[in-house]
Amino acid sequence: MDKKLQTSMALLLQTFKQYASADGNPNTLTKNEVKELFKTELPGFLEGGKNQCAVDKLLSSMDCDRDSEVDFTEFMCMVTGLTCAFHDCAQHK
């Protein structure tokens, strides 16, 4: 039996750790790591991370505790929000 949700959850965790580990700390994403994640994993979103102002604004909105980094919970809130937005857009088409 294919467990798509379980696989998706594991991929989200693996993806977060892959990008967060770039600076040696697998527990948080820095601004540069967020930019690289968007550029690679969500090409086309925020112009692939090329618009620094948009990246800064996104990082600021993701960084709920204002520590200039994005932890896994903050990352998941962003992923959930984007998924809901895509779902809403698809329903209105």
Protein backbone atom coordinates (compact mmCIF):
# COMPACT_ATOMS: atom_id res chain seq x y z
CA MET A 1 0.00 0.00 0.00
CA ASP A 2 1.35 3.42 -1.01
CA LYS A 3 1.56 5.79 1.95
CA LYS A 4 1.75 9.11 0.09
CA LEU A 5 1.14 11.33 3.11
CA GLN A 6 3.80 9.56 5.19
CA THR A 7 6.23 9.81 2.28
CA SER A 8 5.41 13.51 1.82
CA MET A 9 6.04 14.20 5.50
CA ALA A 10 9.41 12.44 5.35
CA LEU A 11 10.34 14.41 2.22
CA LEU A 12 9.48 17.72 3.92
CA LEU A 13 11.69 16.86 6.88
CA GLN A 14 14.51 15.64 4.61
CA THR A 15 14.29 18.78 2.46
CA PHE A 16 14.37 21.08 5.49
CA LYS A 17 17.41 19.32 6.95
CA GLN A 18 19.21 19.29 3.60
CA TYR A 19 18.98 23.07 3.20
CA ALA A 20 19.33 23.89 6.91
CA SER A 21 22.54 21.86 7.13
CA ALA A 22 24.32 24.00 4.53
CA ASP A 23 25.73 26.25 7.27
CA GLY A 24 26.31 23.39 9.70
CA ASN A 25 23.14 23.87 11.79
CA PRO A 26 20.46 21.37 10.68
CA ASN A 27 17.84 22.94 12.98
CA THR A 28 17.33 26.32 11.31
CA LEU A 29 17.34 27.95 7.89
CA THR A 30 19.30 31.16 7.39
CA LYS A 31 18.23 33.81 4.87
CA ASN A 32 20.66 32.36 2.31
CA GLU A 33 19.38 28.83 2.91
CA VAL A 34 15.78 29.98 2.46
CA LYS A 35 16.78 31.70 -0.77
CA GLU A 36 18.51 28.54 -2.06
CA LEU A 37 15.54 26.38 -1.03
CA PHE A 38 13.11 28.55 -2.99
CA LYS A 39 15.46 28.83 -5.95
CA THR A 40 15.87 25.05 -6.18
CA GLU A 41 12.64 23.57 -4.81
CA LEU A 42 10.10 26.21 -5.88
CA PRO A 43 11.45 27.68 -9.12
CA GLY A 44 9.22 30.46 -10.30
CA PHE A 45 8.06 31.31 -6.79
CA LEU A 46 9.53 34.70 -5.87
CA GLU A 47 11.28 34.53 -9.22
CA GLY A 48 13.40 31.67 -7.97
CA GLY A 49 14.67 33.72 -5.03
CA LYS A 50 16.23 36.40 -7.27
CA ASN A 51 14.17 39.26 -5.84
CA GLN A 52 16.07 40.01 -2.61
CA CYS A 53 13.35 42.32 -1.27
CA ALA A 54 10.72 39.60 -1.71
CA VAL A 55 13.00 37.01 -0.10
CA ASP A 56 13.61 39.34 2.85
CA LYS A 57 9.88 39.93 3.23
CA LEU A 58 9.13 36.19 3.08
CA LEU A 59 11.86 35.39 5.61
CA SER A 60 10.52 38.08 7.92
CA SER A 61 7.00 36.69 7.68
CA MET A 62 8.25 33.14 8.29
CA ASP A 63 10.43 34.12 11.27
CA CYS A 64 7.73 34.26 13.94
CA ASP A 65 10.13 34.54 16.89
CA ARG A 66 12.27 37.19 15.13
CA ASP A 67 15.59 35.40 15.63
CA SER A 68 16.61 35.90 11.95
CA GLU A 69 16.35 32.18 11.28
CA VAL A 70 13.54 29.80 10.32
CA ASP A 71 13.08 26.69 12.43
CA PHE A 72 11.16 23.60 11.32
CA THR A 73 7.84 24.75 12.82
CA GLU A 74 8.12 28.11 11.05
CA PHE A 75 9.06 26.30 7.82
CA MET A 76 6.01 24.04 8.10
CA CYS A 77 3.72 27.03 8.69
CA MET A 78 5.03 28.50 5.43
CA VAL A 79 4.58 25.21 3.54
CA THR A 80 1.07 24.83 4.92
CA GLY A 81 0.16 28.41 4.01
CA LEU A 82 1.47 28.01 0.45
CA THR A 83 -0.36 24.70 0.06
CA CYS A 84 -3.62 26.27 1.23
CA ALA A 85 -3.12 29.20 -1.15
CA PHE A 86 -2.53 26.84 -4.08
CA HIS A 87 -5.61 24.85 -3.07
CA ASP A 88 -7.76 28.00 -2.90
CA CYS A 89 -6.50 29.16 -6.30
CA ALA A 90 -7.26 25.77 -7.85
CA GLN A 91 -10.82 25.80 -6.48
CA HIS A 92 -11.53 29.23 -7.97
CA LYS A 93 -10.46 28.30 -11.48
